[in-house]
Amino acid sequence: MTNAFDVDICGQHYTVKGEADEVYVKRLAAYVDEQMRSLAKGMKTATMSKLAVLAAINITHQLFQS
């Protein structure tokens, strides 16, 4: 069964569809939001796409290290 949940990441609204439960999806979104906001603090100018790519690289690095 496919579920759809609304999440906010860096002030942007997204609808996430999948088979995971709501608590898990919201936890994932909160983690991505935290990573992007942390990166934004250290940048003078940051576009959403730049933050998303840098967050993806950081999260992938964390995955590869584990």
N, C-alpha and C. Protein backbone atom coordinates (compact mmCIF):
# COMPACT_ATOMS: atom_id res chain seq x y z
N MET A 1 0.84 -1.18 0.00
CA MET A 1 0.00 0.00 0.00
C MET A 1 0.89 1.25 0.00
N THR A 2 0.56 2.19 -0.85
CA THR A 2 1.32 3.43 -0.93
C THR A 2 0.69 4.48 -0.03
N ASN A 3 1.52 5.11 0.77
CA ASN A 3 1.09 6.19 1.65
C ASN A 3 1.63 7.51 1.11
N ALA A 4 1.00 8.60 1.49
CA ALA A 4 1.48 9.93 1.12
C ALA A 4 1.51 10.80 2.38
N PHE A 5 2.66 11.43 2.61
CA PHE A 5 2.83 12.27 3.79
C PHE A 5 3.39 13.62 3.39
N ASP A 6 2.96 14.66 4.06
CA ASP A 6 3.47 16.00 3.85
C ASP A 6 4.62 16.26 4.80
N VAL A 7 5.72 16.79 4.26
CA VAL A 7 6.88 17.14 5.06
C VAL A 7 7.37 18.52 4.63
N ASP A 8 8.10 19.17 5.52
CA ASP A 8 8.72 20.45 5.20
C ASP A 8 10.23 20.31 5.40
N ILE A 9 10.97 20.74 4.38
CA ILE A 9 12.42 20.71 4.44
C ILE A 9 12.91 22.10 4.03
N CYS A 10 13.58 22.77 4.93
CA CYS A 10 14.09 24.13 4.68
C CYS A 10 13.00 25.06 4.18
N GLY A 11 11.84 24.97 4.78
CA GLY A 11 10.74 25.86 4.43
C GLY A 11 10.01 25.50 3.15
N GLN A 12 10.37 24.40 2.53
CA GLN A 12 9.72 23.94 1.31
C GLN A 12 8.81 22.76 1.64
N HIS A 13 7.64 22.75 1.05
CA HIS A 13 6.65 21.70 1.30
C HIS A 13 6.81 20.59 0.25
N TYR A 14 6.83 19.35 0.71
CA TYR A 14 6.93 18.19 -0.17
C TYR A 14 5.90 17.14 0.26
N THR A 15 5.37 16.43 -0.72
CA THR A 15 4.55 15.26 -0.45
C THR A 15 5.38 14.05 -0.81
N VAL A 16 5.60 13.19 0.16
CA VAL A 16 6.42 12.00 -0.03
C VAL A 16 5.49 10.80 -0.10
N LYS A 17 5.63 10.02 -1.16
CA LYS A 17 4.81 8.82 -1.33
C LYS A 17 5.69 7.59 -1.24
N GLY A 18 5.19 6.56 -0.58
CA GLY A 18 5.93 5.32 -0.46
C GLY A 18 5.24 4.36 0.48
N GLU A 19 5.94 3.30 0.79
CA GLU A 19 5.36 2.25 1.63
C GLU A 19 5.76 2.37 3.10
N ALA A 20 6.65 3.30 3.41
CA ALA A 20 7.10 3.48 4.80
C ALA A 20 6.00 4.13 5.63
N ASP A 21 6.11 4.00 6.94
CA ASP A 21 5.11 4.62 7.80
C ASP A 21 5.43 6.10 8.03
N GLU A 22 4.46 6.83 8.49
CA GLU A 22 4.56 8.28 8.62
C GLU A 22 5.67 8.72 9.56
N VAL A 23 5.80 8.06 10.69
CA VAL A 23 6.82 8.44 11.67
C VAL A 23 8.21 8.33 11.05
N TYR A 24 8.45 7.27 10.32
CA TYR A 24 9.75 7.05 9.69
C TYR A 24 10.03 8.11 8.62
N VAL A 25 9.05 8.39 7.77
CA VAL A 25 9.22 9.39 6.72
C VAL A 25 9.49 10.76 7.32
N LYS A 26 8.77 11.11 8.36
CA LYS A 26 8.97 12.42 9.00
C LYS A 26 10.33 12.49 9.68
N ARG A 27 10.80 11.37 10.20
CA ARG A 27 12.13 11.32 10.81
C ARG A 27 13.21 11.53 9.74
N LEU A 28 13.04 10.90 8.59
CA LEU A 28 13.99 11.10 7.49
C LEU A 28 14.00 12.55 7.03
N ALA A 29 12.82 13.12 6.85
CA ALA A 29 12.71 14.51 6.41
C ALA A 29 13.34 15.46 7.42
N ALA A 30 13.15 15.19 8.69
CA ALA A 30 13.73 16.04 9.74
C ALA A 30 15.25 15.97 9.69
N TYR A 31 15.79 14.81 9.40
CA TYR A 31 17.24 14.66 9.32
C TYR A 31 17.79 15.45 8.13
N VAL A 32 17.14 15.33 6.98
CA VAL A 32 17.56 16.09 5.80
C VAL A 32 17.46 17.59 6.07
N ASP A 33 16.37 18.00 6.70
CA ASP A 33 16.17 19.41 7.05
C ASP A 33 17.31 19.90 7.95
N GLU A 34 17.65 19.11 8.94
CA GLU A 34 18.73 19.46 9.87
C GLU A 34 20.06 19.60 9.13
N GLN A 35 20.34 18.67 8.23
CA GLN A 35 21.59 18.72 7.48
C GLN A 35 21.65 19.97 6.59
N MET A 36 20.57 20.26 5.91
CA MET A 36 20.54 21.42 5.01
C MET A 36 20.63 22.73 5.79
N ARG A 37 19.92 22.83 6.90
CA ARG A 37 19.97 24.06 7.70
C ARG A 37 21.37 24.26 8.30
N SER A 38 22.01 23.19 8.69
CA SER A 38 23.36 23.27 9.23
C SER A 38 24.33 23.79 8.17
N LEU A 39 24.22 23.29 6.96
CA LEU A 39 25.07 23.76 5.87
C LEU A 39 24.80 25.23 5.56
N ALA A 40 23.53 25.61 5.57
CA ALA A 40 23.15 26.98 5.23
C ALA A 40 23.76 28.00 6.19
N LYS A 41 23.92 27.61 7.44
CA LYS A 41 24.50 28.52 8.44
C LYS A 41 25.92 28.92 8.08
N GLY A 42 26.64 28.03 7.43
CA GLY A 42 28.04 28.30 7.10
C GLY A 42 28.24 28.91 5.72
N MET A 43 27.18 29.21 5.01
CA MET A 43 27.29 29.74 3.65
C MET A 43 26.71 31.15 3.57
N LYS A 44 27.40 32.01 2.85
CA LYS A 44 26.89 33.37 2.68
C LYS A 44 25.68 33.38 1.75
N THR A 45 25.78 32.67 0.66
CA THR A 45 24.65 32.54 -0.27
C THR A 45 24.47 31.06 -0.56
N ALA A 46 23.25 30.61 -0.45
CA ALA A 46 22.99 29.19 -0.67
C ALA A 46 21.65 29.03 -1.37
N THR A 47 21.68 28.39 -2.52
CA THR A 47 20.43 28.06 -3.20
C THR A 47 19.93 26.72 -2.64
N MET A 48 18.65 26.48 -2.83
CA MET A 48 18.09 25.21 -2.36
C MET A 48 18.78 24.04 -3.06
N SER A 49 19.04 24.18 -4.35
CA SER A 49 19.67 23.06 -5.07
C SER A 49 21.09 22.82 -4.58
N LYS A 50 21.83 23.87 -4.29
CA LYS A 50 23.19 23.70 -3.78
C LYS A 50 23.16 23.04 -2.40
N LEU A 51 22.26 23.49 -1.53
CA LEU A 51 22.13 22.87 -0.21
C LEU A 51 21.74 21.41 -0.32
N ALA A 52 20.82 21.11 -1.23
CA ALA A 52 20.37 19.72 -1.40
C ALA A 52 21.51 18.81 -1.85
N VAL A 53 22.31 19.29 -2.80
CA VAL A 53 23.43 18.48 -3.29
C VAL A 53 24.47 18.29 -2.20
N LEU A 54 24.82 19.36 -1.50
CA LEU A 54 25.81 19.24 -0.43
C LEU A 54 25.31 18.33 0.70
N ALA A 55 24.03 18.44 1.03
CA ALA A 55 23.46 17.56 2.06
C ALA A 55 23.50 16.11 1.58
N ALA A 56 23.19 15.88 0.32
CA ALA A 56 23.23 14.52 -0.22
C ALA A 56 24.64 13.95 -0.15
N ILE A 57 25.63 14.77 -0.47
CA ILE A 57 27.02 14.31 -0.38
C ILE A 57 27.39 13.98 1.07
N ASN A 58 27.03 14.86 2.00
CA ASN A 58 27.32 14.60 3.42
C ASN A 58 26.63 13.35 3.93
N ILE A 59 25.37 13.18 3.59
CA ILE A 59 24.62 12.01 4.05
C ILE A 59 25.19 10.74 3.43
N THR A 60 25.58 10.80 2.15
CA THR A 60 26.19 9.64 1.50
C THR A 60 27.53 9.31 2.15
N HIS A 61 28.29 10.32 2.49
CA HIS A 61 29.56 10.10 3.19
C HIS A 61 29.31 9.37 4.53
N GLN A 62 28.31 9.83 5.26
CA GLN A 62 27.96 9.20 6.53
C GLN A 62 27.58 7.73 6.31
N LEU A 63 26.83 7.46 5.26
CA LEU A 63 26.41 6.10 4.93
C LEU A 63 27.63 5.23 4.60
N PHE A 64 28.52 5.75 3.78
CA PHE A 64 29.69 4.98 3.38
C PHE A 64 30.62 4.72 4.55
N GLN A 65 30.66 5.63 5.51
CA GLN A 65 31.52 5.46 6.68
C GLN A 65 30.98 4.45 7.68
N SER A 66 29.68 4.19 7.61
CA SER A 66 29.08 3.26 8.60
C SER A 66 29.18 1.81 8.15
